[in-house]
C-alpha cells in the first residue's frame, strides 16, 4: 500500500494532525502547495482547516482532483466536534471529493487565532462556531492526536 498525506494548515493545527496521520500510515506528509503528482498512491489522506464552514480554498481544489482514489479526510475547526458546524465541513469535503472512496474521516478542534475570533465577533450574525471557539484553545492536544491515529488505524 502506498500512501501520502496532503494538508493545508494556516496556524499549524492541521499540520500537527497531518504529522501523526503520516506517522500512523508510515508515509510522508506534504503541504497541499507541494502535493505534486499523486497518481502512484493507493491512499491519499487529506487534511484541511475550516473556513466559513467548509474546507479552505486550496483543499477544496485538491479534493476535487481525487476521483478514483481511496481517501482519508481530516480537518481542524473552531467548532465543537459533533456539532452542525463541524459536521457540515466534513460533509462538504466528502462532496468535493466526488468519485473518490472516502475510507475514513476525523475532525477535532483547532485553536482559533485571536485576530480571527475578534473579526468573527464583529459579524452580524455571528458564525455558529464562535461560541465554542474558546474551548478549542490548546487544541489539537495529545488526546486529539491519539484519536487521529486511532481513526487512521481503523480506516486502514
C-alpha atoms as a PDB file:
ATOM      1  CA  UNK A   1       0.000   0.000   0.000  1.00  0.00           C
ATOM      2  CA  UNK A   2       1.443   3.346  -0.994  1.00  0.00           C
ATOM      3  CA  UNK A   3       0.130   6.384   0.800  1.00  0.00           C
ATOM      4  CA  UNK A   4       0.699  10.101   1.203  1.00  0.00           C
ATOM      5  CA  UNK A   5      -0.702  12.808   3.453  1.00  0.00           C
ATOM      6  CA  UNK A   6      -1.515  16.158   1.868  1.00  0.00           C
ATOM      7  CA  UNK A   7      -2.578  19.001   4.130  1.00  0.00           C
ATOM      8  CA  UNK A   8      -3.326  22.699   4.350  1.00  0.00           C
ATOM      9  CA  UNK A   9      -2.606  24.449   7.625  1.00  0.00           C
ATOM     10  CA  UNK A  10      -2.938  28.127   8.425  1.00  0.00           C
ATOM     11  CA  UNK A  11      -1.936  28.035  12.095  1.00  0.00           C
ATOM     12  CA  UNK A  12      -0.194  24.634  12.372  1.00  0.00           C
ATOM     13  CA  UNK A  13      -3.266  22.897  13.832  1.00  0.00           C
ATOM     14  CA  UNK A  14      -3.849  20.744  10.752  1.00  0.00           C
ATOM     15  CA  UNK A  15      -0.101  20.241  10.294  1.00  0.00           C
ATOM     16  CA  UNK A  16       0.100  18.677  13.777  1.00  0.00           C
ATOM     17  CA  UNK A  17      -2.652  16.222  12.885  1.00  0.00           C
ATOM     18  CA  UNK A  18      -1.085  15.556   9.463  1.00  0.00           C
ATOM     19  CA  UNK A  19       2.187  14.573  11.098  1.00  0.00           C
ATOM     20  CA  UNK A  20       0.591  11.929  13.336  1.00  0.00           C
ATOM     21  CA  UNK A  21      -1.584  10.659  10.470  1.00  0.00           C
ATOM     22  CA  UNK A  22       1.558  10.259   8.340  1.00  0.00           C
ATOM     23  CA  UNK A  23       3.346   8.523  11.214  1.00  0.00           C
ATOM     24  CA  UNK A  24       0.480   6.045  11.580  1.00  0.00           C
ATOM     25  CA  UNK A  25       0.337   5.459   7.815  1.00  0.00           C
ATOM     26  CA  UNK A  26       4.117   5.147   7.530  1.00  0.00           C
ATOM     27  CA  UNK A  27       4.362   7.806   4.851  1.00  0.00           C
ATOM     28  CA  UNK A  28       5.294  11.384   4.083  1.00  0.00           C
ATOM     29  CA  UNK A  29       3.188  14.481   4.788  1.00  0.00           C
ATOM     30  CA  UNK A  30       3.317  17.420   2.380  1.00  0.00           C
ATOM     31  CA  UNK A  31       1.610  20.802   2.249  1.00  0.00           C
ATOM     32  CA  UNK A  32      -1.028  20.967  -0.484  1.00  0.00           C
ATOM     33  CA  UNK A  33       1.077  23.505  -2.404  1.00  0.00           C
ATOM     34  CA  UNK A  34       3.780  20.805  -2.716  1.00  0.00           C
ATOM     35  CA  UNK A  35       1.464  17.863  -3.489  1.00  0.00           C
ATOM     36  CA  UNK A  36       2.783  17.211  -6.985  1.00  0.00           C
ATOM     37  CA  UNK A  37       1.737  14.071  -8.863  1.00  0.00           C
ATOM     38  CA  UNK A  38      -0.191  11.731  -6.569  1.00  0.00           C
ATOM     39  CA  UNK A  39      -1.242   9.226  -9.241  1.00  0.00           C
ATOM     40  CA  UNK A  40       1.013   6.455  -7.884  1.00  0.00           C
ATOM     41  CA  UNK A  41      -0.511   6.461  -4.388  1.00  0.00           C
ATOM     42  CA  UNK A  42      -3.190   3.965  -3.330  1.00  0.00           C
ATOM     43  CA  UNK A  43      -4.358   6.077  -0.380  1.00  0.00           C
ATOM     44  CA  UNK A  44      -4.357   9.840  -0.033  1.00  0.00           C
ATOM     45  CA  UNK A  45      -5.034  11.385   3.366  1.00  0.00           C
ATOM     46  CA  UNK A  46      -6.193  14.977   3.041  1.00  0.00           C
ATOM     47  CA  UNK A  47      -6.130  17.451   5.917  1.00  0.00           C
ATOM     48  CA  UNK A  48      -7.743  20.866   5.904  1.00  0.00           C
ATOM     49  CA  UNK A  49      -8.833  23.696   8.140  1.00  0.00           C
ATOM     50  CA  UNK A  50     -12.344  25.010   8.090  1.00  0.00           C
ATOM     51  CA  UNK A  51     -13.119  28.394   6.603  1.00  0.00           C
ATOM     52  CA  UNK A  52     -16.745  29.543   6.621  1.00  0.00           C
ATOM     53  CA  UNK A  53     -17.912  26.028   7.494  1.00  0.00           C
ATOM     54  CA  UNK A  54     -16.062  24.192   4.740  1.00  0.00           C
ATOM     55  CA  UNK A  55     -12.540  23.154   3.772  1.00  0.00           C
ATOM     56  CA  UNK A  56     -10.162  26.010   2.960  1.00  0.00           C
ATOM     57  CA  UNK A  57      -9.896  27.024  -0.706  1.00  0.00           C
ATOM     58  CA  UNK A  58      -6.630  25.206  -1.502  1.00  0.00           C
ATOM     59  CA  UNK A  59      -8.013  21.991  -0.018  1.00  0.00           C
ATOM     60  CA  UNK A  60     -11.269  22.351  -1.930  1.00  0.00           C
ATOM     61  CA  UNK A  61      -9.321  22.487  -5.179  1.00  0.00           C
ATOM     62  CA  UNK A  62      -7.222  19.465  -4.199  1.00  0.00           C
ATOM     63  CA  UNK A  63     -10.198  17.395  -3.012  1.00  0.00           C
ATOM     64  CA  UNK A  64     -11.792  17.861  -6.431  1.00  0.00           C
ATOM     65  CA  UNK A  65      -8.854  16.006  -8.058  1.00  0.00           C
ATOM     66  CA  UNK A  66      -9.211  12.748  -6.106  1.00  0.00           C
ATOM     67  CA  UNK A  67     -11.677  10.758  -8.221  1.00  0.00           C
ATOM     68  CA  UNK A  68     -10.745   7.072  -8.175  1.00  0.00           C
ATOM     69  CA  UNK A  69      -8.598   7.363  -5.038  1.00  0.00           C
ATOM     70  CA  UNK A  70      -9.069   5.914  -1.555  1.00  0.00           C
ATOM     71  CA  UNK A  71      -9.172   8.965   0.695  1.00  0.00           C
ATOM     72  CA  UNK A  72      -8.940   9.560   4.429  1.00  0.00           C
ATOM     73  CA  UNK A  73     -10.160  13.063   5.297  1.00  0.00           C
ATOM     74  CA  UNK A  74      -9.310  15.039   8.418  1.00  0.00           C
ATOM     75  CA  UNK A  75      -9.967  18.586   9.485  1.00  0.00           C
ATOM     76  CA  UNK A  76      -9.459  21.073  12.286  1.00  0.00           C
ATOM     77  CA  UNK A  77     -12.004  23.709  13.243  1.00  0.00           C
ATOM     78  CA  UNK A  78     -13.102  26.098  15.958  1.00  0.00           C
ATOM     79  CA  UNK A  79     -16.409  24.301  16.473  1.00  0.00           C
ATOM     80  CA  UNK A  80     -17.135  21.536  18.950  1.00  0.00           C
ATOM     81  CA  UNK A  81     -16.875  18.019  17.489  1.00  0.00           C
ATOM     82  CA  UNK A  82     -20.223  16.521  16.504  1.00  0.00           C
ATOM     83  CA  UNK A  83     -21.972  19.866  16.136  1.00  0.00           C
ATOM     84  CA  UNK A  84     -23.600  21.054  12.904  1.00  0.00           C
ATOM     85  CA  UNK A  85     -20.750  23.468  12.033  1.00  0.00           C
ATOM     86  CA  UNK A  86     -18.154  20.696  12.421  1.00  0.00           C
ATOM     87  CA  UNK A  87     -20.224  18.083  10.603  1.00  0.00           C
ATOM     88  CA  UNK A  88     -21.101  20.463   7.763  1.00  0.00           C
ATOM     89  CA  UNK A  89     -17.436  20.983   6.899  1.00  0.00           C
ATOM     90  CA  UNK A  90     -16.711  17.265   6.681  1.00  0.00           C
ATOM     91  CA  UNK A  91     -19.845  16.681   4.588  1.00  0.00           C
ATOM     92  CA  UNK A  92     -18.667  19.394   2.195  1.00  0.00           C
ATOM     93  CA  UNK A  93     -15.244  17.726   1.965  1.00  0.00           C
ATOM     94  CA  UNK A  94     -16.883  14.425   1.008  1.00  0.00           C
ATOM     95  CA  UNK A  95     -18.983  16.211  -1.600  1.00  0.00           C
ATOM     96  CA  UNK A  96     -15.901  17.892  -3.074  1.00  0.00           C
ATOM     97  CA  UNK A  97     -14.133  14.517  -3.352  1.00  0.00           C
ATOM     98  CA  UNK A  98     -16.873  13.114  -5.592  1.00  0.00           C
ATOM     99  CA  UNK A  99     -15.673   9.951  -7.291  1.00  0.00           C
ATOM    100  CA  UNK A 100     -13.228   9.126  -4.507  1.00  0.00           C
ATOM    101  CA  UNK A 101     -13.821   6.400  -1.934  1.00  0.00           C
ATOM    102  CA  UNK A 102     -13.722   8.015   1.496  1.00  0.00           C
ATOM    103  CA  UNK A 103     -12.334   5.278   3.755  1.00  0.00           C
ATOM    104  CA  UNK A 104     -12.475   7.329   6.945  1.00  0.00           C
ATOM    105  CA  UNK A 105     -12.727  10.763   8.483  1.00  0.00           C
ATOM    106  CA  UNK A 106     -11.542  12.595  11.563  1.00  0.00           C
ATOM    107  CA  UNK A 107     -12.024  16.080  12.903  1.00  0.00           C
ATOM    108  CA  UNK A 108     -11.012  17.879  16.049  1.00  0.00           C
ATOM    109  CA  UNK A 109     -10.956  21.374  17.444  1.00  0.00           C
ATOM    110  CA  UNK A 110      -8.080  23.614  16.497  1.00  0.00           C
ATOM    111  CA  UNK A 111      -7.157  26.758  18.356  1.00  0.00           C
ATOM    112  CA  UNK A 112      -8.515  29.814  16.556  1.00  0.00           C
ATOM    113  CA  UNK A 113      -6.247  32.845  16.282  1.00  0.00           C
ATOM    114  CA  UNK A 114      -7.289  35.794  18.440  1.00  0.00           C
ATOM    115  CA  UNK A 115      -7.482  38.043  15.370  1.00  0.00           C
ATOM    116  CA  UNK A 116      -9.954  35.650  13.723  1.00  0.00           C
ATOM    117  CA  UNK A 117     -12.043  35.493  16.897  1.00  0.00           C
ATOM    118  CA  UNK A 118     -12.177  39.285  17.066  1.00  0.00           C
ATOM    119  CA  UNK A 119     -13.270  39.588  13.426  1.00  0.00           C
ATOM    120  CA  UNK A 120     -15.907  36.877  13.829  1.00  0.00           C
ATOM    121  CA  UNK A 121     -17.304  38.540  16.953  1.00  0.00           C
ATOM    122  CA  UNK A 122     -17.975  41.717  14.946  1.00  0.00           C
ATOM    123  CA  UNK A 123     -20.096  39.914  12.339  1.00  0.00           C
ATOM    124  CA  UNK A 124     -23.866  40.094  12.416  1.00  0.00           C
ATOM    125  CA  UNK A 125     -24.970  37.402  12.709  1.00  0.00           C
ATOM    126  CA  UNK A 126     -22.001  35.799  14.398  1.00  0.00           C
ATOM    127  CA  UNK A 127     -20.791  32.496  12.927  1.00  0.00           C
ATOM    128  CA  UNK A 128     -22.316  29.414  14.588  1.00  0.00           C
ATOM    129  CA  UNK A 129     -18.905  28.068  15.668  1.00  0.00           C
ATOM    130  CA  UNK A 130     -17.891  31.198  17.564  1.00  0.00           C
ATOM    131  CA  UNK A 131     -19.473  30.243  20.895  1.00  0.00           C
ATOM    132  CA  UNK A 132     -17.466  27.003  21.015  1.00  0.00           C
ATOM    133  CA  UNK A 133     -14.191  28.521  19.788  1.00  0.00           C
ATOM    134  CA  UNK A 134     -12.767  29.419  23.246  1.00  0.00           C
ATOM    135  CA  UNK A 135     -12.905  25.723  24.177  1.00  0.00           C
ATOM    136  CA  UNK A 136     -10.651  24.970  21.187  1.00  0.00           C
ATOM    137  CA  UNK A 137      -7.748  26.817  22.831  1.00  0.00           C
ATOM    138  CA  UNK A 138      -4.789  24.465  23.176  1.00  0.00           C
ATOM    139  CA  UNK A 139      -6.091  22.036  20.553  1.00  0.00           C
ATOM    140  CA  UNK A 140      -5.227  19.817  18.924  1.00  0.00           C
ATOM    141  CA  UNK A 141      -3.895  18.340  22.129  1.00  0.00           C
ATOM    142  CA  UNK A 142      -2.370  14.940  22.905  1.00  0.00           C
ATOM    143  CA  UNK A 143      -5.801  13.311  23.185  1.00  0.00           C
ATOM    144  CA  UNK A 144      -6.839  14.727  19.792  1.00  0.00           C
ATOM    145  CA  UNK A 145      -3.655  13.446  18.176  1.00  0.00           C
ATOM    146  CA  UNK A 146      -4.114   9.987  19.705  1.00  0.00           C
ATOM    147  CA  UNK A 147      -7.701   9.950  18.430  1.00  0.00           C
ATOM    148  CA  UNK A 148      -6.486  10.906  14.946  1.00  0.00           C
ATOM    149  CA  UNK A 149      -4.051   7.990  14.938  1.00  0.00           C
ATOM    150  CA  UNK A 150      -6.811   5.641  16.087  1.00  0.00           C
ATOM    151  CA  UNK A 151      -9.140   6.883  13.338  1.00  0.00           C
ATOM    152  CA  UNK A 152      -6.492   6.252  10.681  1.00  0.00           C
ATOM    153  CA  UNK A 153      -5.728   2.805  12.071  1.00  0.00           C
ATOM    154  CA  UNK A 154      -9.440   1.921  11.975  1.00  0.00           C
ATOM    155  CA  UNK A 155      -9.741   3.180   8.387  1.00  0.00           C
ATOM    156  CA  UNK A 156      -6.813   1.114   7.155  1.00  0.00           C
END
